[in-house]
Amino acid sequence: MGVVSGLVLFAVIWSMVFLVALPIKVQTQGDLNDVVPGTHAGSPEHHHLRKKAIWTTMIALVIWGITATIILSGWITVDDVENLFRAGAWSGREIDG
């Protein structure tokens, strides 16, 4: 895995973790009974984006480290993934190839 591949992998993992973290502990205007006229009651009042970005970065670094270790060590190779997802691999049938 090259440097650019590692950065792309980290960006994808970070984005996925951030999308999971976004709805956690969001306080909406409706929850606080302080709805601003012209806005939806579900609009966030306190979203804590900075804290979520920091936590996302730490969690993504751990996941990226595990994933990069697996890729670089060769525990799981591209051939392993291809064999896993080939047609009929889930059914247990033998595949000519």
Protein backbone atom coordinates (compact mmCIF):
# COMPACT_ATOMS: atom_id res chain seq x y z
CA MET A 1 0.00 0.00 0.00
CA GLY A 2 1.42 3.34 -1.06
CA VAL A 3 1.21 6.68 0.73
CA VAL A 4 -1.67 7.94 -1.40
CA SER A 5 -3.57 4.66 -0.96
CA GLY A 6 -3.10 4.93 2.79
CA LEU A 7 -4.41 8.50 2.82
CA VAL A 8 -7.42 7.57 0.70
CA LEU A 9 -8.17 4.63 2.98
CA PHE A 10 -7.95 6.92 6.02
CA ALA A 11 -10.26 9.50 4.38
CA VAL A 12 -12.87 6.85 3.60
CA ILE A 13 -12.73 5.40 7.12
CA TRP A 14 -12.85 8.88 8.68
CA SER A 15 -15.88 9.83 6.59
CA MET A 16 -17.75 6.66 7.49
CA VAL A 17 -17.03 7.06 11.21
CA PHE A 18 -18.02 10.75 11.09
CA LEU A 19 -21.36 9.95 9.44
CA VAL A 20 -22.04 7.43 12.19
CA ALA A 21 -21.06 9.94 14.90
CA LEU A 22 -23.10 12.88 13.59
CA PRO A 23 -26.49 11.96 15.11
CA ILE A 24 -25.02 10.99 18.50
CA LYS A 25 -25.93 13.37 21.36
CA VAL A 26 -27.53 15.99 19.10
CA GLN A 27 -29.84 18.33 20.98
CA THR A 28 -32.53 19.71 18.70
CA GLN A 29 -34.51 22.89 19.09
CA GLY A 30 -37.58 20.76 19.75
CA ASP A 31 -35.81 18.91 22.57
CA LEU A 32 -34.97 22.20 24.26
CA ASN A 33 -38.39 23.78 23.54
CA ASP A 34 -36.65 26.72 21.89
CA VAL A 35 -37.80 26.57 18.26
CA VAL A 36 -36.72 29.61 16.26
CA PRO A 37 -39.54 30.81 13.98
CA GLY A 38 -39.00 29.65 10.41
CA THR A 39 -36.88 26.63 11.35
CA HIS A 40 -37.79 23.00 11.83
CA ALA A 41 -38.09 21.65 15.37
CA GLY A 42 -35.55 18.97 14.44
CA SER A 43 -32.86 21.54 13.65
CA PRO A 44 -29.81 21.01 15.84
CA GLU A 45 -29.25 23.47 18.65
CA HIS A 46 -26.06 21.88 20.02
CA HIS A 47 -24.21 19.60 17.62
CA HIS A 48 -20.72 19.42 19.17
CA LEU A 49 -18.96 19.11 15.80
CA ARG A 50 -15.46 19.85 17.09
CA LYS A 51 -15.67 17.13 19.75
CA LYS A 52 -17.13 14.69 17.21
CA ALA A 53 -14.36 15.46 14.71
CA ILE A 54 -11.69 14.82 17.34
CA TRP A 55 -13.30 11.54 18.46
CA THR A 56 -13.80 10.55 14.83
CA THR A 57 -10.11 11.13 14.10
CA MET A 58 -9.02 9.01 17.06
CA ILE A 59 -11.38 6.14 16.22
CA ALA A 60 -10.51 6.33 12.51
CA LEU A 61 -6.78 6.16 13.34
CA VAL A 62 -7.34 2.94 15.30
CA ILE A 63 -9.46 1.37 12.56
CA TRP A 64 -7.03 2.55 9.88
CA GLY A 65 -4.07 1.13 11.82
CA ILE A 66 -5.74 -2.28 12.10
CA THR A 67 -6.76 -2.24 8.43
CA ALA A 68 -3.32 -1.09 7.23
CA THR A 69 -1.64 -3.77 9.34
CA ILE A 70 -3.84 -6.46 7.81
CA ILE A 71 -3.20 -5.18 4.28
CA LEU A 72 0.56 -4.72 4.67
CA SER A 73 1.14 -7.99 6.51
CA GLY A 74 -0.61 -10.05 3.85
CA TRP A 75 -2.99 -11.75 6.30
CA ILE A 76 -5.76 -11.06 3.79
CA THR A 77 -4.75 -10.71 0.16
CA VAL A 78 -6.60 -9.52 -2.93
CA ASP A 79 -6.88 -13.16 -4.02
CA ASP A 80 -8.59 -14.04 -0.74
CA VAL A 81 -11.17 -11.30 -1.28
CA GLU A 82 -11.73 -12.29 -4.90
CA ASN A 83 -12.23 -15.93 -3.93
CA LEU A 84 -14.66 -14.94 -1.19
CA PHE A 85 -16.90 -12.91 -3.50
CA ARG A 86 -16.80 -15.06 -6.61
CA ALA A 87 -20.14 -16.31 -7.91
CA GLY A 88 -21.28 -19.30 -5.90
CA ALA A 89 -18.74 -18.84 -3.12
CA TRP A 90 -21.51 -18.30 -0.57
CA SER A 91 -23.35 -21.48 -1.58
CA GLY A 92 -20.36 -23.72 -0.93
CA ARG A 93 -20.29 -25.04 -4.50
CA GLU A 94 -17.02 -25.58 -6.27
CA ILE A 95 -16.25 -23.07 -9.03
CA ASP A 96 -14.28 -23.84 -12.14
CA GLY A 97 -11.49 -21.41 -12.55
